[in-house]
Protein backbone atom coordinates (compact mmCIF):
# COMPACT_ATOMS: atom_id res chain seq x y z
CA MET A 1 35.15 31.55 -84.60
CA ARG A 2 38.03 29.23 -83.73
CA GLY A 3 38.65 25.88 -85.37
CA ARG A 4 39.79 22.66 -83.80
CA ALA A 5 43.22 21.12 -83.74
CA PHE A 6 43.64 18.15 -86.07
CA GLY A 7 43.97 15.76 -83.15
CA GLY A 8 40.57 16.89 -81.85
CA ILE A 9 38.72 16.16 -85.10
CA ALA A 10 36.91 12.84 -85.51
CA GLU A 11 34.94 11.21 -88.28
CA GLY A 12 31.29 12.23 -87.94
CA ASP A 13 32.05 15.69 -86.52
CA GLU A 14 29.84 18.39 -87.97
CA ALA A 15 29.72 22.18 -88.14
CA ARG A 16 26.86 24.48 -89.22
CA TRP A 17 26.73 28.19 -90.00
CA SER A 18 23.65 30.18 -91.02
CA THR A 19 23.22 33.38 -92.99
CA LYS A 20 20.54 35.35 -94.82
CA VAL A 21 21.35 36.37 -98.40
CA GLU A 22 21.35 40.16 -98.72
CA ALA A 23 21.32 42.12 -101.97
CA ALA A 24 24.52 43.80 -100.82
CA ASP A 25 26.23 40.39 -100.63
CA VAL A 26 25.39 39.65 -104.26
CA ASP A 27 26.41 43.14 -105.43
CA ALA A 28 29.73 42.92 -103.56
CA PHE A 29 30.48 39.47 -105.00
CA ALA A 30 29.75 40.71 -108.52
CA GLU A 31 32.11 43.65 -107.94
CA LEU A 32 34.86 41.44 -106.51
CA SER A 33 34.60 38.62 -109.04
CA GLY A 34 33.75 40.67 -112.12
CA ASP A 35 30.78 38.38 -112.82
CA ASP A 36 28.14 40.98 -113.72
CA ASN A 37 25.89 38.55 -115.56
CA PRO A 38 22.40 40.21 -115.57
CA LEU A 39 20.97 36.95 -114.26
CA HIS A 40 22.60 37.88 -110.93
CA LEU A 41 22.02 41.63 -110.97
CA ASP A 42 18.83 42.36 -112.92
CA ASP A 43 15.48 41.21 -111.50
CA VAL A 44 13.63 41.94 -114.75
CA PHE A 45 16.10 39.90 -116.80
CA ALA A 46 15.97 36.99 -114.36
CA ARG A 47 12.15 36.92 -114.25
CA SER A 48 11.95 37.03 -118.04
CA HIS A 49 13.82 33.74 -118.06
CA GLY A 50 11.56 32.01 -115.54
CA PHE A 51 13.33 32.74 -112.26
CA ARG A 52 11.70 34.29 -109.19
CA GLY A 53 14.23 37.11 -109.16
CA ARG A 54 17.91 37.63 -109.61
CA VAL A 55 19.85 34.46 -108.90
CA VAL A 56 22.64 34.39 -106.31
CA HIS A 57 26.05 33.48 -107.73
CA GLY A 58 26.77 29.82 -107.09
CA MET A 59 30.32 30.64 -106.12
CA LEU A 60 29.09 33.04 -103.44
CA LEU A 61 27.67 29.92 -101.75
CA ALA A 62 31.07 28.28 -102.21
CA ALA A 63 32.68 31.35 -100.62
CA TRP A 64 30.49 30.87 -97.56
CA LEU A 65 31.54 27.22 -97.53
CA SER A 66 35.14 28.49 -97.54
CA ARG A 67 34.32 30.59 -94.49
CA VAL A 68 33.18 27.53 -92.54
CA LEU A 69 36.15 25.42 -93.66
CA GLY A 70 38.62 28.16 -92.79
CA THR A 71 37.24 29.28 -89.43
CA VAL A 72 35.12 26.50 -87.93
CA LEU A 73 35.71 22.99 -89.27
CA PRO A 74 38.52 22.14 -89.78
CA GLY A 75 39.46 25.79 -89.05
CA PRO A 76 42.69 27.82 -89.10
CA GLY A 77 45.51 26.07 -90.94
CA VAL A 78 43.28 24.26 -93.44
CA LEU A 79 44.54 23.84 -97.01
CA TRP A 80 41.62 23.27 -99.42
CA ILE A 81 42.86 20.76 -101.98
CA SER A 82 39.79 19.94 -104.06
CA GLN A 83 36.03 20.41 -104.12
CA SER A 84 33.21 18.80 -106.08
CA ILE A 85 30.03 20.90 -106.33
CA ARG A 86 26.54 20.31 -107.62
CA PHE A 87 24.17 23.29 -107.69
CA ALA A 88 20.78 21.65 -107.21
CA GLN A 89 18.49 24.67 -107.03
CA ALA A 90 18.57 28.41 -107.56
CA VAL A 91 19.06 30.68 -104.54
CA TYR A 92 17.55 34.17 -104.30
CA VAL A 93 18.11 37.37 -102.33
CA GLY A 94 16.33 37.04 -98.98
CA ASP A 95 16.77 33.26 -98.70
CA GLN A 96 17.89 31.87 -95.34
CA LEU A 97 20.72 29.35 -95.79
CA GLU A 98 22.70 26.95 -93.62
CA VAL A 99 26.18 25.73 -94.57
CA VAL A 100 26.84 22.20 -93.31
CA VAL A 101 30.26 20.49 -93.15
CA ARG A 102 30.62 16.91 -91.92
CA VAL A 103 33.83 14.87 -91.54
CA LYS A 104 33.58 11.76 -93.70
CA HIS A 105 37.14 10.39 -93.47
CA LYS A 106 40.30 11.26 -91.54
CA ALA A 107 43.85 10.20 -92.51
CA ALA A 108 46.15 10.97 -89.60
CA ALA A 109 49.40 10.19 -91.43
CA LEU A 110 48.74 12.89 -94.05
CA ARG A 111 46.76 15.24 -91.76
CA SER A 112 44.01 15.12 -94.39
CA LEU A 113 40.22 15.04 -94.26
CA VAL A 114 37.40 14.21 -96.65
CA LEU A 115 34.31 16.30 -95.89
CA ASP A 116 30.70 16.16 -97.01
CA THR A 117 29.67 19.74 -97.80
CA SER A 118 26.22 21.16 -98.42
CA VAL A 119 24.15 24.32 -98.32
CA VAL A 120 20.54 23.89 -97.21
CA SER A 121 17.62 26.34 -97.50
CA ALA A 122 15.18 27.13 -94.69
CA ASP A 123 12.68 24.55 -95.96
CA GLY A 124 15.32 21.79 -95.82
CA THR A 125 16.08 21.70 -99.55
CA THR A 126 19.73 21.07 -100.43
CA VAL A 127 20.75 23.79 -102.86
CA LEU A 128 24.45 22.85 -103.02
CA SER A 129 26.13 19.51 -102.37
CA GLY A 130 29.62 18.17 -102.82
CA GLU A 131 32.77 16.75 -101.28
CA ALA A 132 35.84 18.62 -100.07
CA ARG A 133 39.35 17.26 -99.61
CA VAL A 134 41.52 19.28 -97.27
CA MET A 135 44.82 19.09 -95.41
CA MET A 136 45.52 20.60 -92.01
CA LEU A 137 48.78 22.52 -91.64
CA PRO A 138 50.28 22.65 -88.13
CA THR A 139 49.74 26.02 -86.46
CA ASP A 140 51.16 27.59 -83.31
CA ARG A 141 48.50 27.25 -80.63
CA THR A 142 50.65 28.32 -77.67
CA PRO A 143 48.31 29.96 -75.15
CA ALA A 144 49.10 33.27 -73.49
CA TRP A 145 50.81 32.78 -70.14
CA GLU A 146 47.69 34.15 -68.41
CA GLU A 147 45.70 31.23 -69.91
CA TYR A 148 48.40 28.62 -69.31
CA VAL A 149 47.68 25.71 -66.93
CA ALA A 150 50.60 23.61 -65.70
CA VAL A 151 50.99 20.64 -63.38
CA VAL A 152 54.34 20.58 -61.56
CA THR A 153 55.11 17.39 -59.68
CA GLY A 154 57.38 17.85 -56.70
CA GLY A 155 56.44 21.52 -56.88
CA GLY A 156 56.87 22.27 -53.19
CA ARG A 157 60.67 22.28 -53.19
CA GLY A 158 63.84 22.44 -55.24
CA ILE A 159 63.63 22.63 -59.01
CA GLY A 160 59.86 22.04 -59.03
CA ALA A 161 59.26 24.99 -56.73
CA ALA A 162 61.50 27.22 -58.86
CA VAL A 163 59.59 26.23 -62.02
CA ALA A 164 56.23 26.80 -60.33
CA ARG A 165 57.24 30.26 -59.12
CA VAL A 166 58.48 31.38 -62.55
CA LEU A 167 55.23 30.14 -64.11
CA GLY A 168 53.33 32.18 -61.53
CA ALA A 169 55.41 35.26 -62.23
CA ARG A 170 54.27 35.04 -65.86
CA GLY A 171 50.64 34.83 -64.82
CA ALA A 172 50.11 31.09 -65.30
CA ARG A 173 47.89 28.79 -63.27
CA VAL A 174 49.74 25.99 -61.49
CA VAL A 175 48.98 22.77 -59.66
CA VAL A 176 51.77 22.56 -57.07
CA ASN A 177 52.13 18.90 -56.19
CA TYR A 178 53.69 17.71 -52.94
CA LEU A 179 53.92 14.45 -51.03
CA ARG A 180 54.37 15.39 -47.35
CA ASP A 181 55.42 19.01 -46.81
CA ALA A 182 52.10 20.87 -47.08
CA ASP A 183 53.54 24.08 -45.62
CA ALA A 184 56.25 24.33 -48.28
CA ALA A 185 53.78 23.69 -51.11
CA GLU A 186 51.29 26.21 -49.71
CA THR A 187 54.09 28.77 -49.51
CA VAL A 188 54.90 28.22 -53.20
CA ALA A 189 51.21 28.50 -54.10
CA ALA A 190 50.91 31.73 -52.12
CA ASP A 191 53.99 33.12 -53.89
CA ILE A 192 52.40 32.32 -57.26
CA ARG A 193 49.17 34.09 -56.35
CA GLY A 194 51.14 37.04 -55.02
CA ALA A 195 53.00 37.29 -58.34
CA GLY A 196 49.77 37.51 -60.35
CA GLY A 197 49.17 33.87 -61.22
CA ASP A 198 46.88 31.33 -59.61
CA ALA A 199 47.77 28.10 -57.85
CA VAL A 200 46.49 25.21 -55.83
CA ALA A 201 48.65 22.89 -53.72
CA VAL A 202 47.65 19.24 -54.13
CA ALA A 203 48.94 16.34 -52.04
CA ALA A 204 49.47 13.22 -54.11
CA ASP A 205 51.93 10.36 -54.38
CA VAL A 206 52.76 10.39 -58.10
CA ALA A 207 54.38 6.96 -57.69
CA THR A 208 50.81 5.62 -57.76
CA SER A 209 48.56 5.83 -60.79
CA GLU A 210 45.74 7.26 -58.68
CA GLY A 211 47.96 9.98 -57.26
CA ALA A 212 49.33 11.04 -60.63
CA ALA A 213 45.89 11.10 -62.24
CA SER A 214 44.49 13.21 -59.39
CA LEU A 215 46.77 16.10 -60.34
CA VAL A 216 45.31 16.34 -63.84
CA GLU A 217 41.83 16.00 -62.40
CA ALA A 218 42.53 18.86 -59.96
CA ALA A 219 43.66 21.14 -62.79
CA GLN A 220 40.69 20.26 -64.97
CA GLU A 221 38.24 20.77 -62.14
CA ARG A 222 39.65 24.20 -61.28
CA TRP A 223 40.64 25.54 -64.70
CA GLY A 224 39.19 23.13 -67.25
CA ARG A 225 42.41 22.03 -68.92
CA VAL A 226 46.09 21.08 -68.66
CA ASP A 227 48.60 22.65 -71.05
CA ALA A 228 51.85 21.43 -69.53
CA ILE A 229 53.32 18.84 -67.20
CA VAL A 230 56.69 19.27 -65.52
CA ASN A 231 57.86 16.04 -63.88
CA SER A 232 60.14 17.09 -61.04
CA ALA A 233 59.12 14.76 -58.20
CA THR A 234 61.81 12.48 -56.84
CA PRO A 235 62.22 10.12 -53.91
CA ALA A 236 65.23 10.58 -51.68
CA ILE A 237 68.31 9.59 -53.68
CA GLU A 238 70.28 6.98 -51.78
CA ARG A 239 73.64 5.61 -52.85
CA LYS A 240 73.80 1.85 -52.43
CA PRO A 241 76.16 -0.74 -53.88
CA PHE A 242 74.37 -3.00 -56.33
CA GLN A 243 74.65 -6.09 -54.12
CA GLU A 244 72.83 -4.25 -51.34
CA LEU A 245 69.96 -3.12 -53.55
CA ALA A 246 66.53 -4.67 -53.24
CA TRP A 247 64.17 -4.51 -56.18
CA GLU A 248 61.90 -2.36 -54.03
CA ASP A 249 64.64 0.30 -54.00
CA ILE A 250 64.80 0.34 -57.77
CA ASP A 251 61.03 0.12 -58.17
CA ARG A 252 60.59 3.24 -56.06
CA TYR A 253 62.56 5.25 -58.61
CA TRP A 254 60.78 3.68 -61.57
CA ARG A 255 57.33 4.35 -60.19
CA THR A 256 58.16 7.96 -59.30
CA TYR A 257 59.86 8.79 -62.60
CA VAL A 258 58.51 6.48 -65.29
CA GLN A 259 55.11 5.32 -64.07
CA SER A 260 54.11 8.85 -63.03
CA THR A 261 54.98 10.24 -66.45
CA PHE A 262 53.13 7.39 -68.14
CA THR A 263 49.97 8.05 -66.13
CA LEU A 264 50.07 11.83 -66.33
CA ALA A 265 50.60 11.74 -70.08
CA GLN A 266 47.79 9.24 -70.66
CA VAL A 267 45.32 11.31 -68.66
CA ALA A 268 46.35 14.77 -69.91
CA THR A 269 47.14 14.25 -73.59
CA PRO A 270 43.58 13.70 -74.88
CA GLY A 271 42.76 17.30 -73.96
CA MET A 272 46.10 18.51 -75.31
CA ARG A 273 45.42 16.75 -78.62
CA GLU A 274 41.99 18.34 -78.85
CA ARG A 275 43.46 21.82 -78.42
CA GLY A 276 46.54 21.10 -80.56
CA PHE A 277 48.98 22.17 -77.87
CA GLY A 278 50.85 20.49 -75.03
CA ARG A 279 54.20 20.53 -73.27
CA ILE A 280 55.77 17.75 -71.20
CA VAL A 281 59.17 18.37 -69.61
CA GLN A 282 61.08 15.77 -67.59
CA ILE A 283 63.74 16.66 -65.05
CA LEU A 284 66.45 14.13 -65.92
CA THR A 285 70.11 14.08 -64.80
CA THR A 286 73.64 14.24 -66.15
CA ALA A 287 74.25 11.00 -64.22
CA MET A 288 72.81 9.18 -67.26
CA TRP A 289 75.26 10.87 -69.67
CA GLY A 290 78.56 9.05 -70.10
CA THR A 291 79.88 7.09 -67.13
CA PRO A 292 77.38 7.12 -64.23
CA PRO A 293 78.54 7.68 -60.66
CA PRO A 294 78.98 4.53 -58.57
CA ASN A 295 76.27 3.15 -56.31
CA THR A 296 73.40 4.79 -58.26
CA ALA A 297 72.13 1.85 -60.33
CA GLY A 298 68.44 2.24 -59.44
CA TYR A 299 68.42 6.01 -59.90
CA VAL A 300 70.33 6.01 -63.19
CA ALA A 301 68.35 3.10 -64.61
CA ALA A 302 65.02 4.80 -63.86
CA LYS A 303 66.11 8.18 -65.24
CA SER A 304 67.40 6.41 -68.36
CA GLY A 305 64.05 4.66 -68.68
CA LEU A 306 62.32 8.01 -68.40
CA TRP A 307 64.52 9.38 -71.17
CA GLY A 308 63.51 6.44 -73.39
CA LEU A 309 59.82 7.12 -72.67
CA THR A 310 60.40 10.80 -73.40
CA LYS A 311 61.71 10.05 -76.90
CA ALA A 312 58.91 7.59 -77.62
CA LEU A 313 56.26 10.10 -76.55
CA ALA A 314 57.90 12.85 -78.60
CA VAL A 315 57.49 10.71 -81.73
CA GLU A 316 53.86 9.82 -81.06
CA LEU A 317 52.59 13.17 -79.78
CA GLY A 318 54.51 15.53 -82.06
CA PRO A 319 51.90 15.49 -84.87
CA ASP A 320 49.32 16.79 -82.39
CA GLY A 321 51.32 19.83 -81.33
CA ILE A 322 52.61 18.24 -78.12
CA THR A 323 56.35 18.44 -77.41
CA VAL A 324 58.13 16.16 -74.94
CA ASN A 325 61.62 17.07 -73.75
CA GLY A 326 64.07 16.57 -70.93
CA VAL A 327 66.34 18.85 -68.94
CA SER A 328 69.42 17.26 -67.37
CA PRO A 329 70.91 19.24 -64.49
CA SER A 330 74.20 18.42 -62.91
CA ALA A 331 74.47 19.01 -59.15
CA VAL A 332 71.89 21.62 -58.10
CA MET A 333 71.79 23.24 -54.69
CA THR A 334 68.55 21.75 -53.36
CA ASP A 335 67.65 19.97 -50.11
CA GLN A 336 68.81 16.70 -51.68
CA TRP A 337 72.36 17.93 -50.91
CA GLU A 338 71.77 18.81 -47.26
CA GLY A 339 73.73 15.80 -46.04
CA THR A 340 76.72 16.53 -48.26
CA SER A 341 79.80 18.10 -46.67
CA ASP A 342 81.02 21.54 -47.73
CA SER A 343 84.29 20.06 -48.97
CA ARG A 344 82.41 17.57 -51.16
CA ARG A 345 80.29 20.35 -52.67
CA ARG A 346 83.37 22.47 -53.34
CA ALA A 347 85.08 19.52 -54.99
CA ILE A 348 82.11 18.96 -57.30
CA ALA A 349 81.93 22.66 -58.15
CA LEU A 350 85.64 22.88 -58.98
CA SER A 351 85.37 19.81 -61.24
CA LEU A 352 83.05 21.74 -63.59
CA PRO A 353 84.26 24.19 -66.24
CA VAL A 354 82.13 26.97 -64.69
CA GLN A 355 83.44 26.01 -61.22
CA ARG A 356 80.15 26.46 -59.39
CA LEU A 357 76.94 24.53 -58.81
CA ALA A 358 73.63 25.37 -60.51
CA THR A 359 70.71 27.03 -58.79
CA PRO A 360 67.14 25.73 -59.14
CA GLU A 361 66.25 28.99 -60.87
CA GLU A 362 68.81 28.35 -63.62
CA VAL A 363 67.26 24.96 -64.33
CA ALA A 364 63.80 26.55 -64.24
CA SER A 365 64.83 29.04 -66.93
CA THR A 366 65.58 26.21 -69.34
CA VAL A 367 62.32 24.47 -68.46
CA MET A 368 60.44 27.71 -69.19
CA PHE A 369 62.12 27.93 -72.60
CA LEU A 370 60.74 24.49 -73.43
CA LEU A 371 57.27 25.35 -72.08
CA GLY A 372 56.84 28.50 -74.16
CA SER A 373 56.61 29.34 -77.84
CA GLU A 374 60.38 29.88 -78.07
CA GLY A 375 60.97 26.14 -77.65
CA ALA A 376 58.11 25.01 -79.88
CA TYR A 377 60.40 23.36 -82.45
CA LEU A 378 62.25 21.23 -79.89
CA THR A 379 60.92 17.79 -79.10
CA GLY A 380 62.76 14.65 -78.03
CA ALA A 381 65.60 16.88 -76.82
CA ASN A 382 67.58 16.53 -73.60
CA LEU A 383 69.18 19.83 -72.63
CA PRO A 384 72.09 19.60 -70.15
CA VAL A 385 72.05 22.43 -67.64
CA ALA A 386 75.37 21.24 -66.40
CA GLY A 387 78.00 23.97 -66.36
CA GLY A 388 80.00 22.01 -68.91
CA GLU A 389 80.00 18.70 -67.03
CA VAL A 390 78.81 17.09 -70.26
CA MET A 391 79.41 18.48 -73.74
């Protein structure tokens, strides 16, 4: 049995578990508890006092209630704070019982629940009733990589492709998003399958709400869930003086970076909350640290807006086991740099303490740290993979 994450529990939820009382259960409870009252162990004694046979310990029923609380609803991580109990009727060996737990009240701020609890006999008679107050402790629900489902926007090239391939090498299942280059995305998907994972390439413009939402829908249709989102898609980065910018230029960045994250998170996080696990990683930039480079107002403003959204989401989603972080690369050798001269690249490399440019795979390694259990305690962080450009 596996319980639910706190975020997936709602008032009115109910769990039931049935069992038949065996003599061995009563004998074992008497041995464990030390309660060898003849009323529980001696049929002759019990009948002489008006009972049908030996009476089952009341606290054995409470122990079965503990089983349901600890494994079904709320489940693993529950802390049982208090319990009121009324024993309404005697229970005997051979009786068929059903333990019923129903959520009466949920307090999200304290991760606490008030539960109606009862044990009912086969004829519908309530033999135990009461109210439990419990608290849910956060637990690590990181899935095995073989169960992991990730959506990678811009997954057909550059950093997105590197992240998708590393996920595949660990056995994960990946939605490889692309906008135009189907061949590149299909190549990445084939590499993932060849490495032991599973993948599907999905064309979508994440700058539209419909396109972003379709990626989550594709993952849910194929694998039934989404555990992680890596936002790597980017339009072509053009340097323009501010006076030459049109709002459409700026809006293109905002829709690709900020609106896409907004939509993907809104569509994917309900399922993440229900399972108590989720990872969202944004590919940011060192251009928003310190003094930005000239002629990049639209790009830097949108990435900065994405960083603000990242922190806000980290605050709201953290209680549900969902972390939201950023990775800020400096210059990375991707196709975005194809038009840059060799001398310009060398100059950038020599300006860094490490005196070389990053590879997409180096950025992907940091992303993978944030996606796995090793990075579970980081949220609202922005990690510079920058060779010392920022410190």
